[in-house]
Amino acid sequence: MGSPIKKLASQTAIYGLSSIVGRFLNYLLTPYWIAYGKFSTDQFGVVTEMYAYVAFLVVLLTYGMETTYFRYSSKEEYNSKNVYTTILSTLLFSSIGFILISSFFAQEIAVWLMYPDHSEYVVWFAIIVGFDAISSLPLAYLRKENKANKFAVVNLGNVAVNIGLNLFFISYCKSNYDAQHTNWLIDLVYNPDIGVGYVFIANLIASIFKLIAVAPQIVILRTGVFIRSYLKPFFKYSIPLLFVGLAGIVNETLDRILLKRLLVSDIGLDDAMSQLGIYGANYKLSIAITLFIQAYRYAAEPFFFAQEKKKNSKEMYARIMNYFVVVVSVLFLMVTGYIDLFKYFIPNKDFWVGLKVVPILLLANVFLGIYYNLSIWYKLSHKTGYGALVSIMGAIITVVLNLVLIPSLGYYGAAWATLICYLCMVIVAYIAGKKHYPIPYNLKRILGYFLSAVMLYLISDLLLSDSSLIVKLSLNTLILLGYLGIAYIFEKSKNKSTQ
């Protein structure tokens, strides 16, 4: 493995300290809410739906400016400080405007969301989303300047505040209130009618903390000048990325928004929310691949830009794809092979009826990760419009398939829609990239790694479904180690032959 690839692996590990560990700790809130908060399936449905909207709105309010900052701050003809100041000032203006408008129309929005008695949710999440959008650029600045330690401190601090407040509200306040062991502090801050709203309050305070933590990077904007003429090239570059991001988030979260709305007329609001909660909890079991992809993306995007002009960069991108597919395939086999253990991540059997969607969602995430690798070509070649077209195509597929499949298949239809969407995006991105920015991917090897993993899973599921837990875990461990060993031998022999 060449030194640039080792550098990427190292950066992935560094950013993983904050992104993987931080997000994993946040994921642990799911079993905590279910076990200690005693969230029912329909209550967890509220949490699932609201955070689906958050994911969409954060993309909308950052409108591709993180990538735009990476692109233009590295150009010699642009002043890096002025680029930062211009983009941050723009984000501040749009985010504060969003908070004010959303707060003004909070009741109307709450009625549309079918939470007419909880307009406060709208205000809280408007602040959360607005503050997170503002914080995104200072965090991008830390990434660009390779200040990984500061980046990790901010993200882990945000997670620590969020988790600490969840523990305070649920383990301390709720538990003591239920046991009728109240005191002045509990009487002051706890109201049982707020219920799952305390999850949102904890997040709100954590977002405020994050904004304060990056305040030194916000102050940096004073060292630069807002250059109005920068806005035209910035938006020309970022708007296609915004459509990419919006289409991408439609692919990732629309199913959790549509589930309630497509099922409520047939099964009622409570049952629809229960279906949404089951799906949302089981979606969390794809955590292993999701977390790896997140850490990888943090490191990969600036890395690919930095390597663009170096000799044999395209060959290196192709080799990275091989390693990536191996890693996500191993993670797929690990989760599916040990699903009888991973299911206890959701400590309530009422949620386990949805376990069969987990392999489908894992495969969907594998394709999503492959797509992220393939999509680097349009960012490097300044042809972001192609990325927008591919993502919009994916969004259309997602919308159509969800509308068709959810009414008849419920959350299984949502899972299949996600998988088919990402598969189509991979195929189109590969074909378009081969034409406009050819990278010599070893398609046979990539397909070999992926299809082998899928076949091993199907064989294991077919032959071991009625076996004891010990037999399942033992044989699946052998399958996992065998797959990893064969992939290592193949890649090692390939590297020797190219030296």
Protein backbone atom coordinates (compact mmCIF):
# COMPACT_ATOMS: atom_id res chain seq x y z
CA MET A 1 0.00 0.00 0.00
CA GLY A 2 1.54 3.29 -1.11
CA SER A 3 2.22 6.10 1.30
CA PRO A 4 -0.64 8.35 0.06
CA ILE A 5 -3.11 5.55 0.72
CA LYS A 6 -1.55 5.00 4.13
CA LYS A 7 -2.05 8.70 4.78
CA LEU A 8 -5.73 8.39 3.84
CA ALA A 9 -6.10 5.39 6.16
CA SER A 10 -4.42 7.34 8.94
CA GLN A 11 -6.67 10.36 8.45
CA THR A 12 -9.72 8.10 8.33
CA ALA A 13 -8.66 6.68 11.71
CA ILE A 14 -8.05 10.14 13.19
CA TYR A 15 -11.38 11.55 12.10
CA GLY A 16 -12.94 8.25 13.12
CA LEU A 17 -12.01 9.04 16.71
CA SER A 18 -14.59 11.78 16.72
CA SER A 19 -16.98 10.74 13.98
CA ILE A 20 -17.13 7.00 14.62
CA VAL A 21 -16.80 7.09 18.40
CA GLY A 22 -19.06 10.11 18.66
CA ARG A 23 -21.75 8.76 16.38
CA PHE A 24 -21.50 5.32 17.99
CA LEU A 25 -22.10 6.86 21.40
CA ASN A 26 -25.11 8.65 19.97
CA TYR A 27 -26.31 5.36 18.50
CA LEU A 28 -26.14 3.88 21.99
CA LEU A 29 -28.92 6.26 22.91
CA THR A 30 -31.30 4.06 20.91
CA PRO A 31 -31.10 1.06 23.28
CA TYR A 32 -30.92 3.49 26.20
CA TRP A 33 -34.15 5.24 25.22
CA ILE A 34 -35.87 1.91 24.68
CA ALA A 35 -34.58 0.23 27.85
CA TYR A 36 -34.52 3.10 30.35
CA GLY A 37 -36.73 5.72 28.74
CA LYS A 38 -39.17 2.91 28.02
CA PHE A 39 -39.96 4.37 24.61
CA SER A 40 -42.64 2.39 22.85
CA THR A 41 -42.47 1.68 19.13
CA ASP A 42 -44.72 4.66 18.36
CA GLN A 43 -42.74 7.01 20.64
CA PHE A 44 -39.54 5.99 18.91
CA GLY A 45 -41.36 6.72 15.68
CA VAL A 46 -41.59 10.39 16.72
CA VAL A 47 -37.82 10.51 17.27
CA THR A 48 -37.18 8.74 13.96
CA GLU A 49 -39.38 11.12 11.97
CA MET A 50 -38.09 14.36 13.49
CA TYR A 51 -34.45 13.43 12.86
CA ALA A 52 -35.30 12.51 9.30
CA TYR A 53 -36.40 16.11 8.80
CA VAL A 54 -33.22 17.34 10.52
CA ALA A 55 -31.02 15.45 8.06
CA PHE A 56 -32.89 17.05 5.15
CA LEU A 57 -32.78 20.57 6.55
CA VAL A 58 -29.07 20.52 7.44
CA VAL A 59 -28.25 19.72 3.82
CA LEU A 60 -30.60 22.48 2.67
CA LEU A 61 -29.04 25.10 4.95
CA THR A 62 -25.41 24.24 4.16
CA TYR A 63 -26.16 24.13 0.38
CA GLY A 64 -22.88 22.51 -0.64
CA MET A 65 -20.68 25.22 0.85
CA GLU A 66 -18.35 22.84 2.71
CA THR A 67 -17.13 21.28 -0.52
CA THR A 68 -17.08 24.72 -2.15
CA TYR A 69 -14.79 25.92 0.63
CA PHE A 70 -12.40 22.99 0.08
CA ARG A 71 -12.39 23.64 -3.66
CA TYR A 72 -11.82 27.41 -3.72
CA SER A 73 -9.64 27.87 -0.64
CA SER A 74 -7.01 25.74 -2.35
CA LYS A 75 -7.05 27.80 -5.57
CA GLU A 76 -4.16 30.23 -5.98
CA GLU A 77 -6.31 32.95 -7.54
CA TYR A 78 -8.57 33.08 -4.46
CA ASN A 79 -7.60 34.41 -1.03
CA SER A 80 -8.28 31.59 1.44
CA LYS A 81 -9.27 33.91 4.29
CA ASN A 82 -11.65 35.84 2.08
CA VAL A 83 -13.19 32.61 0.82
CA TYR A 84 -13.84 31.54 4.41
CA THR A 85 -15.29 34.92 5.44
CA THR A 86 -17.57 35.12 2.42
CA ILE A 87 -19.00 31.63 2.85
CA LEU A 88 -19.39 31.88 6.63
CA SER A 89 -21.16 35.24 6.37
CA THR A 90 -23.56 33.74 3.85
CA LEU A 91 -24.30 30.76 6.10
CA LEU A 92 -24.88 33.03 9.08
CA PHE A 93 -27.42 35.09 7.15
CA SER A 94 -29.39 32.14 5.78
CA SER A 95 -29.37 30.13 9.02
CA ILE A 96 -30.55 32.98 11.24
CA GLY A 97 -33.27 33.78 8.70
CA PHE A 98 -34.41 30.14 8.75
CA ILE A 99 -34.64 30.13 12.56
CA LEU A 100 -36.72 33.30 12.63
CA ILE A 101 -39.14 32.22 9.86
CA SER A 102 -39.62 28.71 11.28
CA SER A 103 -40.30 30.06 14.76
CA PHE A 104 -42.87 32.52 13.42
CA PHE A 105 -44.81 29.77 11.61
CA ALA A 106 -44.19 27.09 14.26
CA GLN A 107 -47.86 26.25 14.89
CA GLU A 108 -48.72 25.92 11.21
CA ILE A 109 -45.72 23.65 10.65
CA ALA A 110 -46.63 21.55 13.71
CA VAL A 111 -50.16 20.98 12.36
CA TRP A 112 -48.71 19.88 9.01
CA LEU A 113 -46.41 17.44 10.85
CA MET A 114 -49.46 16.04 12.71
CA TYR A 115 -48.09 17.26 16.05
CA PRO A 116 -50.55 20.13 16.65
CA ASP A 117 -49.91 20.12 20.40
CA HIS A 118 -46.12 20.34 20.03
CA SER A 119 -45.23 23.50 18.14
CA GLU A 120 -42.23 23.75 20.46
CA TYR A 121 -40.65 20.87 18.50
CA VAL A 122 -40.53 23.15 15.46
CA VAL A 123 -38.77 25.95 17.34
CA TRP A 124 -36.26 23.62 18.98
CA PHE A 125 -35.33 21.92 15.74
CA ALA A 126 -35.13 25.20 13.84
CA ILE A 127 -32.44 26.30 16.29
CA ILE A 128 -30.70 22.91 16.18
CA VAL A 129 -30.56 22.87 12.39
CA GLY A 130 -29.61 26.53 12.09
CA PHE A 131 -26.77 26.28 14.61
CA ASP A 132 -25.47 23.04 13.08
CA ALA A 133 -25.43 24.68 9.64
CA ILE A 134 -23.40 27.59 11.00
CA SER A 135 -21.00 25.22 12.77
CA SER A 136 -20.40 23.17 9.63
CA LEU A 137 -17.97 25.64 8.04
CA PRO A 138 -15.75 26.16 11.12
CA LEU A 139 -15.53 22.36 11.34
CA ALA A 140 -14.62 22.22 7.64
CA TYR A 141 -11.92 24.80 8.35
CA LEU A 142 -10.46 22.53 11.06
CA ARG A 143 -10.44 19.62 8.61
CA LYS A 144 -8.70 21.66 5.92
CA GLU A 145 -6.07 22.89 8.37
CA ASN A 146 -5.52 19.31 9.59
CA LYS A 147 -6.50 20.28 13.14
CA ALA A 148 -7.88 16.84 13.84
CA ASN A 149 -7.50 17.11 17.61
CA LYS A 150 -9.60 20.26 17.81
CA PHE A 151 -12.12 18.70 15.43
CA ALA A 152 -12.34 15.64 17.68
CA VAL A 153 -12.70 17.72 20.85
CA VAL A 154 -15.61 19.73 19.40
CA ASN A 155 -17.48 16.71 18.08
CA LEU A 156 -16.91 14.54 21.13
CA GLY A 157 -17.80 17.46 23.39
CA ASN A 158 -21.07 17.86 21.51
CA VAL A 159 -21.79 14.16 21.94
CA ALA A 160 -20.83 14.24 25.62
CA VAL A 161 -23.23 17.11 26.34
CA ASN A 162 -26.04 15.38 24.45
CA ILE A 163 -25.54 12.04 26.20
CA GLY A 164 -25.01 13.66 29.59
CA LEU A 165 -28.29 15.54 29.33
CA ASN A 166 -30.13 12.40 28.19
CA LEU A 167 -28.82 10.62 31.26
CA PHE A 168 -29.85 13.54 33.43
CA PHE A 169 -33.38 13.85 32.05
CA ILE A 170 -34.13 10.12 31.79
CA SER A 171 -32.00 8.26 34.35
CA TYR A 172 -32.15 10.96 37.01
CA CYS A 173 -35.23 13.10 36.51
CA LYS A 174 -37.66 10.60 34.95
CA SER A 175 -36.61 7.66 37.12
CA ASN A 176 -36.86 9.63 40.34
CA TYR A 177 -40.13 11.22 39.26
CA ASP A 178 -41.64 7.81 38.46
CA ALA A 179 -40.46 6.53 41.84
CA GLN A 180 -41.93 9.67 43.48
CA HIS A 181 -38.47 10.68 44.75
CA THR A 182 -38.62 14.27 43.61
CA ASN A 183 -36.62 17.26 44.77
CA TRP A 184 -36.44 20.95 43.90
CA LEU A 185 -34.25 20.33 40.83
CA ILE A 186 -36.58 17.72 39.36
CA ASP A 187 -39.60 19.91 40.10
CA LEU A 188 -37.85 22.76 38.31
CA VAL A 189 -36.72 21.05 35.08
CA TYR A 190 -38.88 17.94 34.62
CA ASN A 191 -42.39 17.72 33.24
CA PRO A 192 -43.61 14.20 32.31
CA ASP A 193 -45.87 15.66 29.62
CA ILE A 194 -42.77 16.61 27.60
CA GLY A 195 -41.87 12.91 27.23
CA VAL A 196 -39.65 12.28 24.20
CA GLY A 197 -39.24 16.04 23.94
CA TYR A 198 -36.36 15.78 26.41
CA VAL A 199 -34.39 13.99 23.69
CA PHE A 200 -34.81 17.11 21.56
CA ILE A 201 -33.98 19.49 24.42
CA ALA A 202 -30.72 17.62 25.06
CA ASN A 203 -29.83 17.93 21.38
CA LEU A 204 -30.69 21.64 21.39
CA ILE A 205 -28.33 22.37 24.27
CA ALA A 206 -25.60 20.23 22.65
CA SER A 207 -25.93 22.22 19.41
CA ILE A 208 -25.56 25.46 21.36
CA PHE A 209 -22.42 24.02 22.98
CA LYS A 210 -20.97 23.10 19.57
CA LEU A 211 -21.54 26.60 18.23
CA ILE A 212 -19.78 28.08 21.27
CA ALA A 213 -16.92 25.58 20.87
CA VAL A 214 -16.24 26.70 17.29
CA ALA A 215 -16.59 30.38 18.17
CA PRO A 216 -12.82 30.96 17.73
CA GLN A 217 -13.13 29.75 14.14
CA ILE A 218 -16.14 32.00 13.63
CA VAL A 219 -14.14 34.99 14.90
CA ILE A 220 -11.57 34.19 12.21
CA LEU A 221 -13.99 35.66 9.68
CA ARG A 222 -12.81 39.08 10.87
CA THR A 223 -9.38 38.37 9.39
CA GLY A 224 -10.88 38.12 5.92
CA VAL A 225 -13.09 40.28 3.76
CA PHE A 226 -16.54 39.50 2.39
CA ILE A 227 -16.02 39.50 -1.39
CA ARG A 228 -19.32 39.85 -3.19
CA SER A 229 -17.83 38.85 -6.54
CA TYR A 230 -16.91 35.46 -5.04
CA LEU A 231 -20.57 34.56 -4.62
CA LYS A 232 -21.28 33.91 -8.29
CA PRO A 233 -18.59 31.20 -8.81
CA PHE A 234 -19.28 29.81 -5.34
CA PHE A 235 -22.99 29.34 -5.98
CA LYS A 236 -22.35 28.09 -9.50
CA TYR A 237 -20.23 25.34 -7.98
CA SER A 238 -22.35 24.69 -4.88
CA ILE A 239 -25.91 24.75 -6.24
CA PRO A 240 -25.45 21.47 -8.16
CA LEU A 241 -23.95 20.07 -4.97
CA LEU A 242 -27.02 21.26 -3.09
CA PHE A 243 -29.23 19.27 -5.45
CA VAL A 244 -26.86 16.33 -5.01
CA GLY A 245 -27.16 16.67 -1.26
CA LEU A 246 -30.92 17.11 -1.26
CA ALA A 247 -31.42 14.22 -3.62
CA GLY A 248 -29.05 12.15 -1.50
CA ILE A 249 -30.87 12.95 1.70
CA VAL A 250 -34.17 12.14 -0.01
CA ASN A 251 -32.69 8.73 -0.75
CA GLU A 252 -31.50 8.34 2.85
CA THR A 253 -34.45 9.68 4.83
CA LEU A 254 -37.59 10.07 2.69
CA ASP A 255 -38.73 6.56 3.57
CA ARG A 256 -38.97 7.54 7.25
CA ILE A 257 -40.99 10.60 6.32
CA LEU A 258 -43.34 8.82 3.90
CA LEU A 259 -44.00 5.75 6.07
CA LYS A 260 -46.35 7.61 8.40
CA ARG A 261 -48.09 9.56 5.67
CA LEU A 262 -48.62 6.56 3.37
CA LEU A 263 -49.81 4.19 6.12
CA VAL A 264 -51.83 6.48 8.39
CA SER A 265 -55.04 6.31 6.36
CA ASP A 266 -55.02 2.49 6.31
CA ILE A 267 -53.81 1.55 9.80
CA GLY A 268 -54.24 4.73 11.84
CA LEU A 269 -51.74 7.19 13.29
CA ASP A 270 -50.63 5.10 16.28
CA ASP A 271 -49.90 1.97 14.22
CA ALA A 272 -48.20 4.02 11.52
CA MET A 273 -45.94 5.61 14.12
CA SER A 274 -45.25 2.13 15.51
CA GLN A 275 -44.20 0.89 12.06
CA LEU A 276 -41.95 3.92 11.72
CA GLY A 277 -40.38 3.26 15.11
CA ILE A 278 -39.66 -0.40 14.29
CA TYR A 279 -38.10 0.55 10.97
CA GLY A 280 -36.07 3.37 12.49
CA ALA A 281 -34.67 1.18 15.26
CA ASN A 282 -33.67 -1.63 12.91
CA TYR A 283 -32.13 0.90 10.53
CA LYS A 284 -29.67 1.60 13.34
CA LEU A 285 -28.30 -1.93 13.01
CA SER A 286 -26.56 -0.89 9.80
CA ILE A 287 -24.38 1.24 12.08
CA ALA A 288 -21.10 -0.53 11.29
CA ILE A 289 -21.10 0.37 7.59
CA THR A 290 -22.66 3.78 8.20
CA LEU A 291 -19.97 4.78 10.70
CA PHE A 292 -17.11 3.59 8.51
CA ILE A 293 -18.47 5.50 5.52
CA GLN A 294 -18.83 8.66 7.58
CA ALA A 295 -15.24 8.57 8.85
CA TYR A 296 -13.97 7.64 5.40
CA ARG A 297 -15.77 10.57 3.75
CA TYR A 298 -14.36 13.08 6.24
CA ALA A 299 -10.85 12.04 5.26
CA ALA A 300 -11.39 11.10 1.61
CA GLU A 301 -12.81 14.30 0.15
CA PRO A 302 -9.89 16.64 1.02
CA PHE A 303 -7.47 13.75 0.35
CA PHE A 304 -8.74 13.17 -3.20
CA PHE A 305 -8.51 16.89 -3.99
CA ALA A 306 -4.95 16.99 -2.64
CA GLN A 307 -3.87 13.98 -4.74
CA GLU A 308 -5.54 15.16 -7.95
CA LYS A 309 -2.41 16.47 -9.71
CA LYS A 310 -0.02 13.76 -8.58
CA LYS A 311 1.29 11.08 -10.89
CA ASN A 312 -0.82 7.90 -11.11
CA SER A 313 -3.57 9.47 -8.99
CA LYS A 314 -6.28 7.65 -10.95
CA GLU A 315 -4.60 4.30 -10.40
CA MET A 316 -4.50 5.09 -6.69
CA TYR A 317 -8.22 5.94 -6.67
CA ALA A 318 -8.89 2.55 -8.27
CA ARG A 319 -6.85 0.70 -5.63
CA ILE A 320 -8.65 2.58 -2.87
CA MET A 321 -11.96 1.34 -4.29
CA ASN A 322 -10.76 -2.26 -3.95
CA TYR A 323 -9.86 -1.76 -0.30
CA PHE A 324 -13.10 0.05 0.38
CA VAL A 325 -15.28 -2.71 -1.08
CA VAL A 326 -13.42 -5.32 0.96
CA VAL A 327 -13.95 -3.40 4.20
CA VAL A 328 -17.68 -2.77 3.70
CA SER A 329 -18.20 -6.37 2.58
CA VAL A 330 -16.51 -7.61 5.75
CA LEU A 331 -18.73 -5.32 7.81
CA PHE A 332 -21.79 -6.67 5.96
CA LEU A 333 -20.80 -10.27 6.76
CA MET A 334 -20.03 -9.36 10.35
CA VAL A 335 -23.42 -7.80 11.08
CA THR A 336 -25.48 -10.40 9.22
CA GLY A 337 -23.44 -13.27 10.66
CA TYR A 338 -23.83 -12.05 14.24
CA ILE A 339 -27.36 -10.65 13.91
CA ASP A 340 -28.51 -12.85 16.80
CA LEU A 341 -26.19 -10.83 19.01
CA PHE A 342 -26.61 -7.44 17.36
CA LYS A 343 -30.39 -7.58 17.81
CA TYR A 344 -29.90 -6.98 21.53
CA PHE A 345 -28.83 -3.48 20.54
CA ILE A 346 -32.62 -3.01 20.52
CA PRO A 347 -33.60 -4.26 24.01
CA ASN A 348 -37.30 -4.72 23.31
CA LYS A 349 -38.69 -7.72 21.44
CA ASP A 350 -41.50 -5.59 20.03
CA PHE A 351 -38.92 -4.12 17.64
CA TRP A 352 -37.40 -7.45 16.51
CA VAL A 353 -40.16 -8.16 13.99
CA GLY A 354 -38.25 -5.83 11.67
CA LEU A 355 -34.88 -7.64 11.75
CA LYS A 356 -35.32 -9.01 8.24
CA VAL A 357 -34.84 -5.53 6.78
CA VAL A 358 -31.32 -5.28 8.21
CA PRO A 359 -29.47 -7.23 5.43
CA ILE A 360 -31.34 -5.19 2.81
CA LEU A 361 -30.33 -1.92 4.45
CA LEU A 362 -26.74 -3.09 4.89
CA LEU A 363 -26.48 -3.83 1.17
CA ALA A 364 -28.01 -0.45 0.43
CA ASN A 365 -25.29 1.19 2.51
CA VAL A 366 -22.62 -0.81 0.69
CA PHE A 367 -23.85 0.63 -2.60
CA LEU A 368 -24.03 4.08 -1.07
CA GLY A 369 -20.39 3.87 -0.03
CA ILE A 370 -19.36 2.68 -3.49
CA TYR A 371 -21.29 5.57 -5.01
CA TYR A 372 -19.42 8.07 -2.81
CA ASN A 373 -16.15 6.69 -4.18
CA LEU A 374 -17.36 6.82 -7.78
CA SER A 375 -18.76 10.34 -7.44
CA ILE A 376 -15.36 11.92 -6.84
CA TRP A 377 -14.87 12.24 -10.60
CA TYR A 378 -17.42 15.01 -11.07
CA LYS A 379 -16.05 16.99 -8.12
CA LEU A 380 -12.49 16.77 -9.44
CA SER A 381 -13.52 17.66 -12.98
CA HIS A 382 -15.82 20.55 -11.96
CA LYS A 383 -18.76 18.74 -13.56
CA THR A 384 -20.93 18.80 -10.47
CA GLY A 385 -24.02 19.05 -12.66
CA TYR A 386 -23.59 15.37 -13.52
CA GLY A 387 -23.61 14.51 -9.84
CA ALA A 388 -26.81 16.48 -9.45
CA LEU A 389 -28.43 14.58 -12.33
CA VAL A 390 -27.46 11.19 -10.89
CA SER A 391 -28.71 12.11 -7.44
CA ILE A 392 -31.95 13.55 -8.79
CA MET A 393 -32.44 10.35 -10.74
CA GLY A 394 -31.93 8.42 -7.51
CA ALA A 395 -34.39 10.66 -5.69
CA ILE A 396 -37.02 10.08 -8.37
CA ILE A 397 -36.50 6.32 -8.08
CA THR A 398 -36.78 6.59 -4.29
CA VAL A 399 -40.00 8.59 -4.42
CA VAL A 400 -41.64 6.34 -6.99
CA LEU A 401 -40.64 3.07 -5.32
CA ASN A 402 -41.63 4.27 -1.86
CA LEU A 403 -45.03 5.38 -3.15
CA VAL A 404 -45.51 2.01 -4.86
CA LEU A 405 -44.02 -0.37 -2.29
CA ILE A 406 -44.78 1.11 1.14
CA PRO A 407 -48.61 0.81 0.93
CA SER A 408 -48.32 -2.93 0.19
CA LEU A 409 -45.06 -3.93 1.94
CA GLY A 410 -44.76 -1.37 4.72
CA TYR A 411 -41.21 -0.76 5.90
CA TYR A 412 -39.94 -3.70 3.83
CA GLY A 413 -40.95 -1.71 0.76
CA ALA A 414 -39.00 1.26 2.10
CA ALA A 415 -35.88 -0.90 2.54
CA TRP A 416 -36.07 -2.36 -0.96
CA ALA A 417 -36.63 1.08 -2.44
CA THR A 418 -33.43 2.29 -0.74
CA LEU A 419 -31.40 -0.66 -2.04
CA ILE A 420 -32.65 -0.37 -5.64
CA CYS A 421 -32.06 3.38 -5.65
CA TYR A 422 -28.42 3.14 -4.60
CA LEU A 423 -27.75 0.28 -7.02
CA CYS A 424 -29.07 2.36 -9.91
CA MET A 425 -26.96 5.34 -8.82
CA VAL A 426 -23.81 3.21 -8.72
CA ILE A 427 -24.41 1.90 -12.24
CA VAL A 428 -25.10 5.35 -13.73
CA ALA A 429 -22.19 7.01 -11.87
CA TYR A 430 -19.80 4.32 -13.06
CA ILE A 431 -20.88 4.62 -16.71
CA ALA A 432 -20.77 8.43 -16.67
CA GLY A 433 -17.40 8.51 -14.90
CA LYS A 434 -15.92 6.04 -17.38
CA LYS A 435 -16.82 8.44 -20.18
CA HIS A 436 -15.90 11.81 -18.65
CA TYR A 437 -13.17 11.05 -16.08
CA PRO A 438 -12.00 7.46 -16.61
CA ILE A 439 -10.53 5.77 -13.55
CA PRO A 440 -9.18 2.24 -14.12
CA TYR A 441 -11.37 0.43 -11.60
CA ASN A 442 -10.91 -3.34 -11.54
CA LEU A 443 -14.57 -4.12 -12.11
CA LYS A 444 -14.13 -7.90 -12.05
CA ARG A 445 -12.35 -7.79 -8.72
CA ILE A 446 -14.87 -5.38 -7.18
CA LEU A 447 -17.80 -7.51 -8.33
CA GLY A 448 -16.00 -10.60 -7.13
CA TYR A 449 -15.55 -9.20 -3.63
CA PHE A 450 -19.13 -7.96 -3.42
CA LEU A 451 -20.92 -10.96 -4.93
CA SER A 452 -18.85 -13.37 -2.85
CA ALA A 453 -19.96 -11.61 0.32
CA VAL A 454 -23.62 -11.75 -0.75
CA MET A 455 -23.38 -15.43 -1.69
CA LEU A 456 -21.73 -16.30 1.62
CA TYR A 457 -24.52 -14.50 3.47
CA LEU A 458 -27.25 -16.30 1.49
CA ILE A 459 -25.62 -19.69 2.03
CA SER A 460 -25.24 -19.01 5.75
CA ASP A 461 -28.83 -17.80 6.07
CA LEU A 462 -30.17 -20.81 4.18
CA LEU A 463 -28.14 -23.53 5.85
CA LEU A 464 -27.83 -22.19 9.39
CA SER A 465 -31.27 -20.67 9.97
CA ASP A 466 -32.35 -23.57 12.22
CA SER A 467 -28.95 -24.15 13.85
CA SER A 468 -28.08 -23.37 17.44
CA LEU A 469 -26.59 -20.01 18.34
CA ILE A 470 -23.14 -21.50 19.00
CA VAL A 471 -23.07 -23.26 15.63
CA LYS A 472 -24.23 -20.13 13.82
CA LEU A 473 -21.66 -17.88 15.41
CA SER A 474 -18.82 -20.37 14.97
CA LEU A 475 -19.45 -21.07 11.29
CA ASN A 476 -20.12 -17.42 10.49
CA THR A 477 -16.84 -16.52 12.16
CA LEU A 478 -15.05 -18.99 9.90
CA ILE A 479 -16.82 -17.54 6.86
CA LEU A 480 -15.81 -14.01 7.87
CA LEU A 481 -12.16 -14.91 8.50
CA GLY A 482 -11.99 -16.93 5.29
CA TYR A 483 -13.35 -14.05 3.24
CA LEU A 484 -10.96 -11.58 4.82
CA GLY A 485 -7.99 -13.89 4.30
CA ILE A 486 -8.73 -14.50 0.63
CA ALA A 487 -9.20 -10.77 -0.01
CA TYR A 488 -5.87 -10.05 1.69
CA ILE A 489 -4.08 -12.62 -0.46
CA PHE A 490 -5.61 -11.22 -3.66
CA GLU A 491 -4.69 -7.62 -2.86
CA LYS A 492 -1.21 -8.53 -1.69
CA SER A 493 -0.49 -10.46 -4.89
CA LYS A 494 -1.92 -7.62 -6.98
CA ASN A 495 0.31 -5.05 -5.28
CA LYS A 496 3.42 -7.20 -5.84
CA SER A 497 2.64 -7.60 -9.52
CA THR A 498 2.42 -3.81 -9.98
CA GLN A 499 5.67 -3.00 -8.22
